[in-house]
Amino acid sequence: MRAATKMARPTWATRIEKLRERLNLSQTDFAQQLGVSAMAVSRWERGINEPPAKCYVVLGKMAGPAECWFYWERIGITKRDVSKML
């Protein structure tokens, strides 16, 4: 009998769940703010699917200055790129 291997969730999945909890939002309320379904949020938090770029932008805005770069860097937006644009 083979033992089931449990895969660790990706860091981004854990961070999304912690952000939602910090904001004291249900998956449904969080999903509404992101313009997605609650099922999408559930899949993100379990690490099954990764959010699309547009959601990472919004997640960064929701996270605030202390955490925004984690989400934005997931889609390739760096502090250097933003500095160039300002």
C-alpha atoms as a PDB file:
ATOM      1  CA  MET A   1       0.000   0.000   0.000  1.00  0.00           C
ATOM      2  CA  ARG A   2       1.402   3.338  -1.008  1.00  0.00           C
ATOM      3  CA  ALA A   3       1.385   6.239   1.435  1.00  0.00           C
ATOM      4  CA  ALA A   4      -0.333   9.335   0.137  1.00  0.00           C
ATOM      5  CA  THR A   5       2.058  12.209  -0.301  1.00  0.00           C
ATOM      6  CA  LYS A   6       0.823  15.523   0.929  1.00  0.00           C
ATOM      7  CA  MET A   7       2.086  18.439  -1.073  1.00  0.00           C
ATOM      8  CA  ALA A   8       2.715  21.723   0.671  1.00  0.00           C
ATOM      9  CA  ARG A   9       0.676  24.649  -0.517  1.00  0.00           C
ATOM     10  CA  PRO A  10       2.535  27.247  -2.558  1.00  0.00           C
ATOM     11  CA  THR A  11       3.550  30.384  -0.664  1.00  0.00           C
ATOM     12  CA  TRP A  12       1.191  32.503  -2.756  1.00  0.00           C
ATOM     13  CA  ALA A  13      -1.775  30.336  -1.715  1.00  0.00           C
ATOM     14  CA  THR A  14      -0.984  30.743   1.976  1.00  0.00           C
ATOM     15  CA  ARG A  15      -0.449  34.501   1.580  1.00  0.00           C
ATOM     16  CA  ILE A  16      -3.802  34.933  -0.171  1.00  0.00           C
ATOM     17  CA  GLU A  17      -5.619  33.075   2.591  1.00  0.00           C
ATOM     18  CA  LYS A  18      -3.843  35.088   5.298  1.00  0.00           C
ATOM     19  CA  LEU A  19      -4.667  38.357   3.520  1.00  0.00           C
ATOM     20  CA  ARG A  20      -8.351  37.408   3.321  1.00  0.00           C
ATOM     21  CA  GLU A  21      -8.378  36.477   6.996  1.00  0.00           C
ATOM     22  CA  ARG A  22      -6.541  39.678   7.992  1.00  0.00           C
ATOM     23  CA  LEU A  23      -9.193  41.675   6.132  1.00  0.00           C
ATOM     24  CA  ASN A  24     -11.852  39.638   7.992  1.00  0.00           C
ATOM     25  CA  LEU A  25     -13.617  38.664   4.768  1.00  0.00           C
ATOM     26  CA  SER A  26     -15.407  35.476   3.814  1.00  0.00           C
ATOM     27  CA  GLN A  27     -14.321  33.803   0.591  1.00  0.00           C
ATOM     28  CA  THR A  28     -17.523  35.132  -0.985  1.00  0.00           C
ATOM     29  CA  ASP A  29     -16.909  38.746   0.069  1.00  0.00           C
ATOM     30  CA  PHE A  30     -13.247  38.526  -0.922  1.00  0.00           C
ATOM     31  CA  ALA A  31     -14.244  37.103  -4.306  1.00  0.00           C
ATOM     32  CA  GLN A  32     -16.735  39.929  -4.904  1.00  0.00           C
ATOM     33  CA  GLN A  33     -14.027  42.530  -4.319  1.00  0.00           C
ATOM     34  CA  LEU A  34     -11.813  40.730  -6.834  1.00  0.00           C
ATOM     35  CA  GLY A  35     -14.560  40.156  -9.401  1.00  0.00           C
ATOM     36  CA  VAL A  36     -14.259  36.367  -9.284  1.00  0.00           C
ATOM     37  CA  SER A  37     -16.247  33.469  -7.841  1.00  0.00           C
ATOM     38  CA  ALA A  38     -15.880  32.167  -4.306  1.00  0.00           C
ATOM     39  CA  MET A  39     -14.845  28.856  -5.882  1.00  0.00           C
ATOM     40  CA  ALA A  40     -11.905  30.626  -7.560  1.00  0.00           C
ATOM     41  CA  VAL A  41     -10.753  31.972  -4.187  1.00  0.00           C
ATOM     42  CA  SER A  42     -11.104  28.508  -2.660  1.00  0.00           C
ATOM     43  CA  ARG A  43      -8.946  27.026  -5.423  1.00  0.00           C
ATOM     44  CA  TRP A  44      -6.322  29.743  -4.968  1.00  0.00           C
ATOM     45  CA  GLU A  45      -6.146  29.165  -1.220  1.00  0.00           C
ATOM     46  CA  ARG A  46      -5.725  25.430  -1.748  1.00  0.00           C
ATOM     47  CA  GLY A  47      -3.011  26.051  -4.345  1.00  0.00           C
ATOM     48  CA  ILE A  48      -4.954  24.365  -7.142  1.00  0.00           C
ATOM     49  CA  ASN A  49      -5.136  27.422  -9.402  1.00  0.00           C
ATOM     50  CA  GLU A  50      -3.117  30.621  -9.329  1.00  0.00           C
ATOM     51  CA  PRO A  51      -4.882  33.987  -9.677  1.00  0.00           C
ATOM     52  CA  PRO A  52      -4.701  35.844 -12.995  1.00  0.00           C
ATOM     53  CA  ALA A  53      -2.522  38.954 -13.262  1.00  0.00           C
ATOM     54  CA  LYS A  54      -5.415  41.385 -12.853  1.00  0.00           C
ATOM     55  CA  CYS A  55      -6.275  39.777  -9.497  1.00  0.00           C
ATOM     56  CA  TYR A  56      -2.672  40.009  -8.315  1.00  0.00           C
ATOM     57  CA  VAL A  57      -2.803  43.759  -8.983  1.00  0.00           C
ATOM     58  CA  VAL A  58      -5.938  44.089  -6.838  1.00  0.00           C
ATOM     59  CA  LEU A  59      -4.518  41.782  -4.151  1.00  0.00           C
ATOM     60  CA  GLY A  60      -1.499  44.066  -3.898  1.00  0.00           C
ATOM     61  CA  LYS A  61      -3.748  47.090  -3.456  1.00  0.00           C
ATOM     62  CA  MET A  62      -5.762  45.265  -0.803  1.00  0.00           C
ATOM     63  CA  ALA A  63      -2.597  44.183   1.024  1.00  0.00           C
ATOM     64  CA  GLY A  64      -1.266  47.713   1.364  1.00  0.00           C
ATOM     65  CA  PRO A  65       2.261  49.133   1.270  1.00  0.00           C
ATOM     66  CA  ALA A  66       3.846  46.580   3.591  1.00  0.00           C
ATOM     67  CA  GLU A  67       2.848  43.563   1.473  1.00  0.00           C
ATOM     68  CA  CYS A  68       1.896  44.820  -1.989  1.00  0.00           C
ATOM     69  CA  TRP A  69       5.169  43.900  -3.673  1.00  0.00           C
ATOM     70  CA  PHE A  70       4.765  40.210  -2.919  1.00  0.00           C
ATOM     71  CA  TYR A  71       1.652  40.121  -5.117  1.00  0.00           C
ATOM     72  CA  TRP A  72       2.867  42.529  -7.787  1.00  0.00           C
ATOM     73  CA  GLU A  73       6.177  40.749  -8.215  1.00  0.00           C
ATOM     74  CA  ARG A  74       4.245  37.526  -8.937  1.00  0.00           C
ATOM     75  CA  ILE A  75       3.255  39.166 -12.227  1.00  0.00           C
ATOM     76  CA  GLY A  76       6.585  40.802 -12.921  1.00  0.00           C
ATOM     77  CA  ILE A  77       5.973  44.313 -11.599  1.00  0.00           C
ATOM     78  CA  THR A  78       9.082  45.470  -9.751  1.00  0.00           C
ATOM     79  CA  LYS A  79       9.841  48.536  -7.654  1.00  0.00           C
ATOM     80  CA  ARG A  80      12.411  49.529 -10.250  1.00  0.00           C
ATOM     81  CA  ASP A  81       9.846  49.408 -13.055  1.00  0.00           C
ATOM     82  CA  VAL A  82       7.430  51.549 -11.052  1.00  0.00           C
ATOM     83  CA  SER A  83      10.173  54.039 -10.162  1.00  0.00           C
ATOM     84  CA  LYS A  84      10.950  54.463 -13.859  1.00  0.00           C
ATOM     85  CA  MET A  85       7.318  55.284 -14.584  1.00  0.00           C
ATOM     86  CA  LEU A  86       7.043  57.949 -11.888  1.00  0.00           C
END
